[in-house]
mmCIF file of all heavy atoms, coordinates in Angstrom:
data_MODEL
# 
_entry.id   MODEL 
# 
loop_
_atom_site.group_PDB 
_atom_site.id 
_atom_site.type_symbol 
_atom_site.label_atom_id 
_atom_site.label_alt_id 
_atom_site.label_comp_id 
_atom_site.label_asym_id 
_atom_site.label_entity_id 
_atom_site.label_seq_id 
_atom_site.pdbx_PDB_ins_code 
_atom_site.Cartn_x 
_atom_site.Cartn_y 
_atom_site.Cartn_z 
_atom_site.occupancy 
_atom_site.B_iso_or_equiv 
_atom_site.pdbx_formal_charge 
_atom_site.auth_seq_id 
_atom_site.auth_comp_id 
_atom_site.auth_asym_id 
_atom_site.auth_atom_id 
_atom_site.pdbx_PDB_model_num 
ATOM 1   N N   . VAL A 1 1  ? -5.731  42.633 -13.644 1.00 0.00 ? 1  VAL A N   1 
ATOM 2   C CA  . VAL A 1 1  ? -5.695  42.044 -12.328 1.00 0.00 ? 1  VAL A CA  1 
ATOM 3   C C   . VAL A 1 1  ? -6.897  42.565 -11.538 1.00 0.00 ? 1  VAL A C   1 
ATOM 4   O O   . VAL A 1 1  ? -7.422  43.644 -11.793 1.00 0.00 ? 1  VAL A O   1 
ATOM 5   C CB  . VAL A 1 1  ? -4.375  42.382 -11.581 1.00 0.00 ? 1  VAL A CB  1 
ATOM 6   C CG1 . VAL A 1 1  ? -3.208  41.715 -12.249 1.00 0.00 ? 1  VAL A CG1 1 
ATOM 7   C CG2 . VAL A 1 1  ? -4.174  43.888 -11.471 1.00 0.00 ? 1  VAL A CG2 1 
ATOM 8   N N   . TYR A 1 2  ? -7.323  41.760 -10.560 1.00 0.00 ? 2  TYR A N   1 
ATOM 9   C CA  . TYR A 1 2  ? -8.525  42.049 -9.790  1.00 0.00 ? 2  TYR A CA  1 
ATOM 10  C C   . TYR A 1 2  ? -8.210  42.017 -8.308  1.00 0.00 ? 2  TYR A C   1 
ATOM 11  O O   . TYR A 1 2  ? -7.302  41.297 -7.869  1.00 0.00 ? 2  TYR A O   1 
ATOM 12  C CB  . TYR A 1 2  ? -9.626  41.060 -10.091 1.00 0.00 ? 2  TYR A CB  1 
ATOM 13  C CG  . TYR A 1 2  ? -9.974  40.952 -11.568 1.00 0.00 ? 2  TYR A CG  1 
ATOM 14  C CD1 . TYR A 1 2  ? -9.308  40.045 -12.384 1.00 0.00 ? 2  TYR A CD1 1 
ATOM 15  C CD2 . TYR A 1 2  ? -10.941 41.748 -12.115 1.00 0.00 ? 2  TYR A CD2 1 
ATOM 16  C CE1 . TYR A 1 2  ? -9.630  39.936 -13.717 1.00 0.00 ? 2  TYR A CE1 1 
ATOM 17  C CE2 . TYR A 1 2  ? -11.270 41.640 -13.473 1.00 0.00 ? 2  TYR A CE2 1 
ATOM 18  C CZ  . TYR A 1 2  ? -10.621 40.735 -14.257 1.00 0.00 ? 2  TYR A CZ  1 
ATOM 19  O OH  . TYR A 1 2  ? -10.925 40.633 -15.601 1.00 0.00 ? 2  TYR A OH  1 
ATOM 20  N N   . LEU A 1 3  ? -9.000  42.723 -7.539  1.00 0.00 ? 3  LEU A N   1 
ATOM 21  C CA  . LEU A 1 3  ? -8.962  42.622 -6.091  1.00 0.00 ? 3  LEU A CA  1 
ATOM 22  C C   . LEU A 1 3  ? -10.388 42.377 -5.597  1.00 0.00 ? 3  LEU A C   1 
ATOM 23  O O   . LEU A 1 3  ? -11.223 43.262 -5.710  1.00 0.00 ? 3  LEU A O   1 
ATOM 24  C CB  . LEU A 1 3  ? -8.389  43.893 -5.446  1.00 0.00 ? 3  LEU A CB  1 
ATOM 25  C CG  . LEU A 1 3  ? -8.273  43.837 -3.910  1.00 0.00 ? 3  LEU A CG  1 
ATOM 26  C CD1 . LEU A 1 3  ? -7.178  42.843 -3.499  1.00 0.00 ? 3  LEU A CD1 1 
ATOM 27  C CD2 . LEU A 1 3  ? -7.952  45.218 -3.351  1.00 0.00 ? 3  LEU A CD2 1 
ATOM 28  N N   . GLN A 1 4  ? -10.632 41.179 -5.106  1.00 0.00 ? 4  GLN A N   1 
ATOM 29  C CA  . GLN A 1 4  ? -11.920 40.846 -4.530  1.00 0.00 ? 4  GLN A CA  1 
ATOM 30  C C   . GLN A 1 4  ? -11.907 41.217 -3.060  1.00 0.00 ? 4  GLN A C   1 
ATOM 31  O O   . GLN A 1 4  ? -11.025 40.731 -2.307  1.00 0.00 ? 4  GLN A O   1 
ATOM 32  C CB  . GLN A 1 4  ? -12.224 39.356 -4.684  1.00 0.00 ? 4  GLN A CB  1 
ATOM 33  C CG  . GLN A 1 4  ? -13.545 38.916 -4.071  1.00 0.00 ? 4  GLN A CG  1 
ATOM 34  C CD  . GLN A 1 4  ? -14.747 39.489 -4.778  1.00 0.00 ? 4  GLN A CD  1 
ATOM 35  O OE1 . GLN A 1 4  ? -14.769 39.541 -6.008  1.00 0.00 ? 4  GLN A OE1 1 
ATOM 36  N NE2 . GLN A 1 4  ? -15.723 39.969 -4.029  1.00 0.00 ? 4  GLN A NE2 1 
ATOM 37  N N   . MET A 1 5  ? -12.843 42.029 -2.627  1.00 0.00 ? 5  MET A N   1 
ATOM 38  C CA  . MET A 1 5  ? -12.919 42.499 -1.252  1.00 0.00 ? 5  MET A CA  1 
ATOM 39  C C   . MET A 1 5  ? -14.237 42.079 -0.649  1.00 0.00 ? 5  MET A C   1 
ATOM 40  O O   . MET A 1 5  ? -15.300 42.450 -1.140  1.00 0.00 ? 5  MET A O   1 
ATOM 41  C CB  . MET A 1 5  ? -12.767 44.034 -1.189  1.00 0.00 ? 5  MET A CB  1 
ATOM 42  C CG  . MET A 1 5  ? -11.507 44.549 -1.849  1.00 0.00 ? 5  MET A CG  1 
ATOM 43  S SD  . MET A 1 5  ? -11.258 46.322 -1.594  1.00 0.00 ? 5  MET A SD  1 
ATOM 44  C CE  . MET A 1 5  ? -12.686 46.986 -2.443  1.00 0.00 ? 5  MET A CE  1 
ATOM 45  N N   . ASN A 1 6  ? -14.178 41.294 0.410   1.00 0.00 ? 6  ASN A N   1 
ATOM 46  C CA  . ASN A 1 6  ? -15.356 40.801 1.105   1.00 0.00 ? 6  ASN A CA  1 
ATOM 47  C C   . ASN A 1 6  ? -15.385 41.292 2.546   1.00 0.00 ? 6  ASN A C   1 
ATOM 48  O O   . ASN A 1 6  ? -14.357 41.711 3.092   1.00 0.00 ? 6  ASN A O   1 
ATOM 49  C CB  . ASN A 1 6  ? -15.372 39.279 1.070   1.00 0.00 ? 6  ASN A CB  1 
ATOM 50  C CG  . ASN A 1 6  ? -15.430 38.704 -0.303  1.00 0.00 ? 6  ASN A CG  1 
ATOM 51  O OD1 . ASN A 1 6  ? -16.072 39.250 -1.203  1.00 0.00 ? 6  ASN A OD1 1 
ATOM 52  N ND2 . ASN A 1 6  ? -14.787 37.546 -0.499  1.00 0.00 ? 6  ASN A ND2 1 
ATOM 53  N N   . SER A 1 7  ? -16.551 41.246 3.141   1.00 0.00 ? 7  SER A N   1 
ATOM 54  C CA  . SER A 1 7  ? -16.732 41.639 4.548   1.00 0.00 ? 7  SER A CA  1 
ATOM 55  C C   . SER A 1 7  ? -16.116 43.004 4.816   1.00 0.00 ? 7  SER A C   1 
ATOM 56  O O   . SER A 1 7  ? -15.358 43.199 5.768   1.00 0.00 ? 7  SER A O   1 
ATOM 57  C CB  . SER A 1 7  ? -16.122 40.589 5.469   1.00 0.00 ? 7  SER A CB  1 
ATOM 58  O OG  . SER A 1 7  ? -16.725 39.315 5.271   1.00 0.00 ? 7  SER A OG  1 
ATOM 59  N N   . LEU A 1 8  ? -16.470 43.972 3.984   1.00 0.00 ? 8  LEU A N   1 
ATOM 60  C CA  . LEU A 1 8  ? -15.867 45.305 4.076   1.00 0.00 ? 8  LEU A CA  1 
ATOM 61  C C   . LEU A 1 8  ? -16.246 45.999 5.388   1.00 0.00 ? 8  LEU A C   1 
ATOM 62  O O   . LEU A 1 8  ? -17.387 45.833 5.877   1.00 0.00 ? 8  LEU A O   1 
ATOM 63  C CB  . LEU A 1 8  ? -16.282 46.131 2.876   1.00 0.00 ? 8  LEU A CB  1 
ATOM 64  C CG  . LEU A 1 8  ? -15.560 45.754 1.583   1.00 0.00 ? 8  LEU A CG  1 
ATOM 65  C CD1 . LEU A 1 8  ? -16.272 46.349 0.381   1.00 0.00 ? 8  LEU A CD1 1 
ATOM 66  C CD2 . LEU A 1 8  ? -14.106 46.212 1.622   1.00 0.00 ? 8  LEU A CD2 1 
ATOM 67  N N   . LYS A 1 9  ? -15.334 46.765 5.898   1.00 0.00 ? 9  LYS A N   1 
ATOM 68  C CA  . LYS A 1 9  ? -15.487 47.495 7.131   1.00 0.00 ? 9  LYS A CA  1 
ATOM 69  C C   . LYS A 1 9  ? -15.289 48.987 6.887   1.00 0.00 ? 9  LYS A C   1 
ATOM 70  O O   . LYS A 1 9  ? -14.621 49.386 5.915   1.00 0.00 ? 9  LYS A O   1 
ATOM 71  C CB  . LYS A 1 9  ? -14.466 47.019 8.175   1.00 0.00 ? 9  LYS A CB  1 
ATOM 72  C CG  . LYS A 1 9  ? -14.510 45.538 8.440   1.00 0.00 ? 9  LYS A CG  1 
ATOM 73  C CD  . LYS A 1 9  ? -13.384 45.129 9.376   1.00 0.00 ? 9  LYS A CD  1 
ATOM 74  C CE  . LYS A 1 9  ? -13.389 43.633 9.619   1.00 0.00 ? 9  LYS A CE  1 
ATOM 75  N NZ  . LYS A 1 9  ? -12.285 43.210 10.511  1.00 0.00 ? 9  LYS A NZ  1 
ATOM 76  N N   . PRO A 1 10 ? -15.852 49.868 7.722   1.00 0.00 ? 10 PRO A N   1 
ATOM 77  C CA  . PRO A 1 10 ? -15.650 51.309 7.538   1.00 0.00 ? 10 PRO A CA  1 
ATOM 78  C C   . PRO A 1 10 ? -14.185 51.686 7.457   1.00 0.00 ? 10 PRO A C   1 
ATOM 79  O O   . PRO A 1 10 ? -13.836 52.639 6.721   1.00 0.00 ? 10 PRO A O   1 
ATOM 80  C CB  . PRO A 1 10 ? -16.344 51.909 8.763   1.00 0.00 ? 10 PRO A CB  1 
ATOM 81  C CG  . PRO A 1 10 ? -17.406 50.944 9.107   1.00 0.00 ? 10 PRO A CG  1 
ATOM 82  C CD  . PRO A 1 10 ? -16.812 49.577 8.810   1.00 0.00 ? 10 PRO A CD  1 
ATOM 83  N N   . GLU A 1 11 ? -13.315 51.009 8.178   1.00 0.00 ? 11 GLU A N   1 
ATOM 84  C CA  . GLU A 1 11 ? -11.901 51.353 8.156   1.00 0.00 ? 11 GLU A CA  1 
ATOM 85  C C   . GLU A 1 11 ? -11.225 50.973 6.824   1.00 0.00 ? 11 GLU A C   1 
ATOM 86  O O   . GLU A 1 11 ? -10.060 51.289 6.626   1.00 0.00 ? 11 GLU A O   1 
ATOM 87  C CB  . GLU A 1 11 ? -11.153 50.679 9.311   1.00 0.00 ? 11 GLU A CB  1 
ATOM 88  C CG  . GLU A 1 11 ? -11.385 49.183 9.436   1.00 0.00 ? 11 GLU A CG  1 
ATOM 89  C CD  . GLU A 1 11 ? -12.444 48.839 10.454  1.00 0.00 ? 11 GLU A CD  1 
ATOM 90  O OE1 . GLU A 1 11 ? -13.493 49.530 10.502  1.00 0.00 ? 11 GLU A OE1 1 
ATOM 91  O OE2 . GLU A 1 11 ? -12.265 47.859 11.208  1.00 0.00 ? 11 GLU A OE2 1 
ATOM 92  N N   . ASP A 1 12 ? -11.937 50.285 5.940   1.00 0.00 ? 12 ASP A N   1 
ATOM 93  C CA  . ASP A 1 12 ? -11.421 49.987 4.611   1.00 0.00 ? 12 ASP A CA  1 
ATOM 94  C C   . ASP A 1 12 ? -11.594 51.178 3.662   1.00 0.00 ? 12 ASP A C   1 
ATOM 95  O O   . ASP A 1 12 ? -11.112 51.117 2.524   1.00 0.00 ? 12 ASP A O   1 
ATOM 96  C CB  . ASP A 1 12 ? -12.109 48.771 3.995   1.00 0.00 ? 12 ASP A CB  1 
ATOM 97  C CG  . ASP A 1 12 ? -11.812 47.484 4.772   1.00 0.00 ? 12 ASP A CG  1 
ATOM 98  O OD1 . ASP A 1 12 ? -10.650 47.301 5.207   1.00 0.00 ? 12 ASP A OD1 1 
ATOM 99  O OD2 . ASP A 1 12 ? -12.736 46.661 4.937   1.00 0.00 ? 12 ASP A OD2 1 
ATOM 100 N N   . THR A 1 13 ? -12.281 52.206 4.098   1.00 0.00 ? 13 THR A N   1 
ATOM 101 C CA  . THR A 1 13 ? -12.491 53.381 3.266   1.00 0.00 ? 13 THR A CA  1 
ATOM 102 C C   . THR A 1 13 ? -11.166 54.008 2.873   1.00 0.00 ? 13 THR A C   1 
ATOM 103 O O   . THR A 1 13 ? -10.359 54.353 3.741   1.00 0.00 ? 13 THR A O   1 
ATOM 104 C CB  . THR A 1 13 ? -13.371 54.398 3.992   1.00 0.00 ? 13 THR A CB  1 
ATOM 105 O OG1 . THR A 1 13 ? -14.665 53.834 4.197   1.00 0.00 ? 13 THR A OG1 1 
ATOM 106 C CG2 . THR A 1 13 ? -13.508 55.689 3.161   1.00 0.00 ? 13 THR A CG2 1 
ATOM 107 N N   . ALA A 1 14 ? -10.925 54.150 1.575   1.00 0.00 ? 14 ALA A N   1 
ATOM 108 C CA  . ALA A 1 14 ? -9.653  54.651 1.068   1.00 0.00 ? 14 ALA A CA  1 
ATOM 109 C C   . ALA A 1 14 ? -9.728  54.752 -0.440  1.00 0.00 ? 14 ALA A C   1 
ATOM 110 O O   . ALA A 1 14 ? -10.667 54.276 -1.084  1.00 0.00 ? 14 ALA A O   1 
ATOM 111 C CB  . ALA A 1 14 ? -8.479  53.761 1.489   1.00 0.00 ? 14 ALA A CB  1 
ATOM 112 N N   . VAL A 1 15 ? -8.696  55.361 -1.024  1.00 0.00 ? 15 VAL A N   1 
ATOM 113 C CA  . VAL A 1 15 ? -8.487  55.290 -2.463  1.00 0.00 ? 15 VAL A CA  1 
ATOM 114 C C   . VAL A 1 15 ? -7.617  54.074 -2.709  1.00 0.00 ? 15 VAL A C   1 
ATOM 115 O O   . VAL A 1 15 ? -6.564  53.920 -2.092  1.00 0.00 ? 15 VAL A O   1 
ATOM 116 C CB  . VAL A 1 15 ? -7.821  56.553 -3.018  1.00 0.00 ? 15 VAL A CB  1 
ATOM 117 C CG1 . VAL A 1 15 ? -7.566  56.412 -4.525  1.00 0.00 ? 15 VAL A CG1 1 
ATOM 118 C CG2 . VAL A 1 15 ? -8.716  57.768 -2.759  1.00 0.00 ? 15 VAL A CG2 1 
ATOM 119 N N   . TYR A 1 16 ? -8.035  53.220 -3.650  1.00 0.00 ? 16 TYR A N   1 
ATOM 120 C CA  . TYR A 1 16 ? -7.327  51.991 -3.938  1.00 0.00 ? 16 TYR A CA  1 
ATOM 121 C C   . TYR A 1 16 ? -6.602  52.115 -5.275  1.00 0.00 ? 16 TYR A C   1 
ATOM 122 O O   . TYR A 1 16 ? -7.162  52.583 -6.264  1.00 0.00 ? 16 TYR A O   1 
ATOM 123 C CB  . TYR A 1 16 ? -8.285  50.811 -3.975  1.00 0.00 ? 16 TYR A CB  1 
ATOM 124 C CG  . TYR A 1 16 ? -8.728  50.370 -2.595  1.00 0.00 ? 16 TYR A CG  1 
ATOM 125 C CD1 . TYR A 1 16 ? -9.567  51.170 -1.822  1.00 0.00 ? 16 TYR A CD1 1 
ATOM 126 C CD2 . TYR A 1 16 ? -8.259  49.189 -2.035  1.00 0.00 ? 16 TYR A CD2 1 
ATOM 127 C CE1 . TYR A 1 16 ? -9.946  50.799 -0.539  1.00 0.00 ? 16 TYR A CE1 1 
ATOM 128 C CE2 . TYR A 1 16 ? -8.630  48.798 -0.749  1.00 0.00 ? 16 TYR A CE2 1 
ATOM 129 C CZ  . TYR A 1 16 ? -9.468  49.615 -0.011  1.00 0.00 ? 16 TYR A CZ  1 
ATOM 130 O OH  . TYR A 1 16 ? -9.846  49.233 1.252   1.00 0.00 ? 16 TYR A OH  1 
ATOM 131 N N   . TYR A 1 17 ? -5.347  51.679 -5.282  1.00 0.00 ? 17 TYR A N   1 
ATOM 132 C CA  . TYR A 1 17 ? -4.476  51.781 -6.461  1.00 0.00 ? 17 TYR A CA  1 
ATOM 133 C C   . TYR A 1 17 ? -3.927  50.418 -6.834  1.00 0.00 ? 17 TYR A C   1 
ATOM 134 O O   . TYR A 1 17 ? -3.676  49.591 -5.965  1.00 0.00 ? 17 TYR A O   1 
ATOM 135 C CB  . TYR A 1 17 ? -3.294  52.704 -6.197  1.00 0.00 ? 17 TYR A CB  1 
ATOM 136 C CG  . TYR A 1 17 ? -3.647  54.117 -5.802  1.00 0.00 ? 17 TYR A CG  1 
ATOM 137 C CD1 . TYR A 1 17 ? -3.865  54.477 -4.486  1.00 0.00 ? 17 TYR A CD1 1 
ATOM 138 C CD2 . TYR A 1 17 ? -3.701  55.113 -6.767  1.00 0.00 ? 17 TYR A CD2 1 
ATOM 139 C CE1 . TYR A 1 17 ? -4.153  55.777 -4.128  1.00 0.00 ? 17 TYR A CE1 1 
ATOM 140 C CE2 . TYR A 1 17 ? -3.994  56.426 -6.421  1.00 0.00 ? 17 TYR A CE2 1 
ATOM 141 C CZ  . TYR A 1 17 ? -4.224  56.746 -5.107  1.00 0.00 ? 17 TYR A CZ  1 
ATOM 142 O OH  . TYR A 1 17 ? -4.503  58.056 -4.741  1.00 0.00 ? 17 TYR A OH  1 
ATOM 143 N N   . CYS A 1 18 ? -3.691  50.205 -8.111  1.00 0.00 ? 18 CYS A N   1 
ATOM 144 C CA  . CYS A 1 18 ? -2.889  49.094 -8.582  1.00 0.00 ? 18 CYS A CA  1 
ATOM 145 C C   . CYS A 1 18 ? -1.590  49.652 -9.157  1.00 0.00 ? 18 CYS A C   1 
ATOM 146 O O   . CYS A 1 18 ? -1.501  50.815 -9.566  1.00 0.00 ? 18 CYS A O   1 
ATOM 147 C CB  . CYS A 1 18 ? -3.611  48.219 -9.580  1.00 0.00 ? 18 CYS A CB  1 
ATOM 148 S SG  . CYS A 1 18 ? -3.935  48.992 -11.168 1.00 0.00 ? 18 CYS A SG  1 
ATOM 149 N N   . ALA A 1 19 ? -0.564  48.824 -9.191  1.00 0.00 ? 19 ALA A N   1 
ATOM 150 C CA  . ALA A 1 19 ? 0.736   49.234 -9.693  1.00 0.00 ? 19 ALA A CA  1 
ATOM 151 C C   . ALA A 1 19 ? 1.508   48.036 -10.212 1.00 0.00 ? 19 ALA A C   1 
ATOM 152 O O   . ALA A 1 19 ? 1.224   46.901 -9.845  1.00 0.00 ? 19 ALA A O   1 
ATOM 153 C CB  . ALA A 1 19 ? 1.525   49.960 -8.600  1.00 0.00 ? 19 ALA A CB  1 
ATOM 154 N N   . ALA A 1 20 ? 2.515   48.305 -11.039 1.00 0.00 ? 20 ALA A N   1 
ATOM 155 C CA  . ALA A 1 20 ? 3.366   47.279 -11.616 1.00 0.00 ? 20 ALA A CA  1 
ATOM 156 C C   . ALA A 1 20 ? 4.812   47.540 -11.249 1.00 0.00 ? 20 ALA A C   1 
ATOM 157 O O   . ALA A 1 20 ? 5.260   48.676 -11.203 1.00 0.00 ? 20 ALA A O   1 
ATOM 158 C CB  . ALA A 1 20 ? 3.196   47.259 -13.129 1.00 0.00 ? 20 ALA A CB  1 
ATOM 159 N N   . SER A 1 21 ? 5.545   46.451 -11.026 1.00 0.00 ? 21 SER A N   1 
ATOM 160 C CA  . SER A 1 21 ? 6.943   46.528 -10.660 1.00 0.00 ? 21 SER A CA  1 
ATOM 161 C C   . SER A 1 21 ? 7.744   45.418 -11.312 1.00 0.00 ? 21 SER A C   1 
ATOM 162 O O   . SER A 1 21 ? 7.245   44.317 -11.510 1.00 0.00 ? 21 SER A O   1 
ATOM 163 C CB  . SER A 1 21 ? 7.093   46.408 -9.135  1.00 0.00 ? 21 SER A CB  1 
ATOM 164 O OG  . SER A 1 21 ? 8.467   46.356 -8.771  1.00 0.00 ? 21 SER A OG  1 
ATOM 165 N N   . ALA A 1 22 ? 8.991   45.745 -11.662 1.00 0.00 ? 22 ALA A N   1 
ATOM 166 C CA  . ALA A 1 22 ? 9.906   44.730 -12.180 1.00 0.00 ? 22 ALA A CA  1 
ATOM 167 C C   . ALA A 1 22 ? 10.531  43.914 -11.054 1.00 0.00 ? 22 ALA A C   1 
ATOM 168 O O   . ALA A 1 22 ? 11.271  42.977 -11.307 1.00 0.00 ? 22 ALA A O   1 
ATOM 169 C CB  . ALA A 1 22 ? 10.993  45.380 -13.026 1.00 0.00 ? 22 ALA A CB  1 
ATOM 170 N N   . ARG A 1 23 ? 10.233  44.284 -9.812  1.00 0.00 ? 23 ARG A N   1 
ATOM 171 C CA  . ARG A 1 23 ? 10.746  43.558 -8.642  1.00 0.00 ? 23 ARG A CA  1 
ATOM 172 C C   . ARG A 1 23 ? 9.552   43.006 -7.859  1.00 0.00 ? 23 ARG A C   1 
ATOM 173 O O   . ARG A 1 23 ? 9.075   43.673 -6.925  1.00 0.00 ? 23 ARG A O   1 
ATOM 174 C CB  . ARG A 1 23 ? 11.597  44.465 -7.750  1.00 0.00 ? 23 ARG A CB  1 
ATOM 175 C CG  . ARG A 1 23 ? 12.831  45.005 -8.441  1.00 0.00 ? 23 ARG A CG  1 
ATOM 176 C CD  . ARG A 1 23 ? 13.723  45.731 -7.465  1.00 0.00 ? 23 ARG A CD  1 
ATOM 177 N NE  . ARG A 1 23 ? 14.242  44.850 -6.432  1.00 0.00 ? 23 ARG A NE  1 
ATOM 178 C CZ  . ARG A 1 23 ? 15.008  45.238 -5.408  1.00 0.00 ? 23 ARG A CZ  1 
ATOM 179 N NH1 . ARG A 1 23 ? 15.337  46.535 -5.313  1.00 0.00 ? 23 ARG A NH1 1 
ATOM 180 N NH2 . ARG A 1 23 ? 15.428  44.372 -4.534  1.00 0.00 ? 23 ARG A NH2 1 
ATOM 181 N N   . PRO A 1 24 ? 9.093   41.829 -8.208  1.00 0.00 ? 24 PRO A N   1 
ATOM 182 C CA  . PRO A 1 24 ? 7.936   41.234 -7.525  1.00 0.00 ? 24 PRO A CA  1 
ATOM 183 C C   . PRO A 1 24 ? 8.150   41.108 -6.022  1.00 0.00 ? 24 PRO A C   1 
ATOM 184 O O   . PRO A 1 24 ? 9.244   40.786 -5.557  1.00 0.00 ? 24 PRO A O   1 
ATOM 185 C CB  . PRO A 1 24 ? 7.802   39.860 -8.184  1.00 0.00 ? 24 PRO A CB  1 
ATOM 186 C CG  . PRO A 1 24 ? 8.423   40.028 -9.532  1.00 0.00 ? 24 PRO A CG  1 
ATOM 187 C CD  . PRO A 1 24 ? 9.573   40.975 -9.324  1.00 0.00 ? 24 PRO A CD  1 
ATOM 188 N N   . ASP A 1 25 ? 7.113   41.397 -5.288  1.00 0.00 ? 25 ASP A N   1 
ATOM 189 C CA  . ASP A 1 25 ? 7.077   41.288 -3.817  1.00 0.00 ? 25 ASP A CA  1 
ATOM 190 C C   . ASP A 1 25 ? 7.934   42.326 -3.132  1.00 0.00 ? 25 ASP A C   1 
ATOM 191 O O   . ASP A 1 25 ? 8.203   42.195 -1.920  1.00 0.00 ? 25 ASP A O   1 
ATOM 192 C CB  . ASP A 1 25 ? 7.492   39.901 -3.345  1.00 0.00 ? 25 ASP A CB  1 
ATOM 193 C CG  . ASP A 1 25 ? 6.377   38.878 -3.498  1.00 0.00 ? 25 ASP A CG  1 
ATOM 194 O OD1 . ASP A 1 25 ? 5.184   39.289 -3.512  1.00 0.00 ? 25 ASP A OD1 1 
ATOM 195 O OD2 . ASP A 1 25 ? 6.690   37.682 -3.589  1.00 0.00 ? 25 ASP A OD2 1 
ATOM 196 N N   . SER A 1 26 ? 8.368   43.350 -3.842  1.00 0.00 ? 26 SER A N   1 
ATOM 197 C CA  . SER A 1 26 ? 9.108   44.409 -3.190  1.00 0.00 ? 26 SER A CA  1 
ATOM 198 C C   . SER A 1 26 ? 8.243   45.127 -2.165  1.00 0.00 ? 26 SER A C   1 
ATOM 199 O O   . SER A 1 26 ? 7.048   45.343 -2.383  1.00 0.00 ? 26 SER A O   1 
ATOM 200 C CB  . SER A 1 26 ? 9.598   45.444 -4.223  1.00 0.00 ? 26 SER A CB  1 
ATOM 201 O OG  . SER A 1 26 ? 10.192  46.564 -3.598  1.00 0.00 ? 26 SER A OG  1 
# 
């Protein structure tokens, strides 16, 4: 899976994680 990030701002600074769940949209 991918995350496309455009028009980035300083407040977007963070550690980014992906995760999987058996309950979609939880």
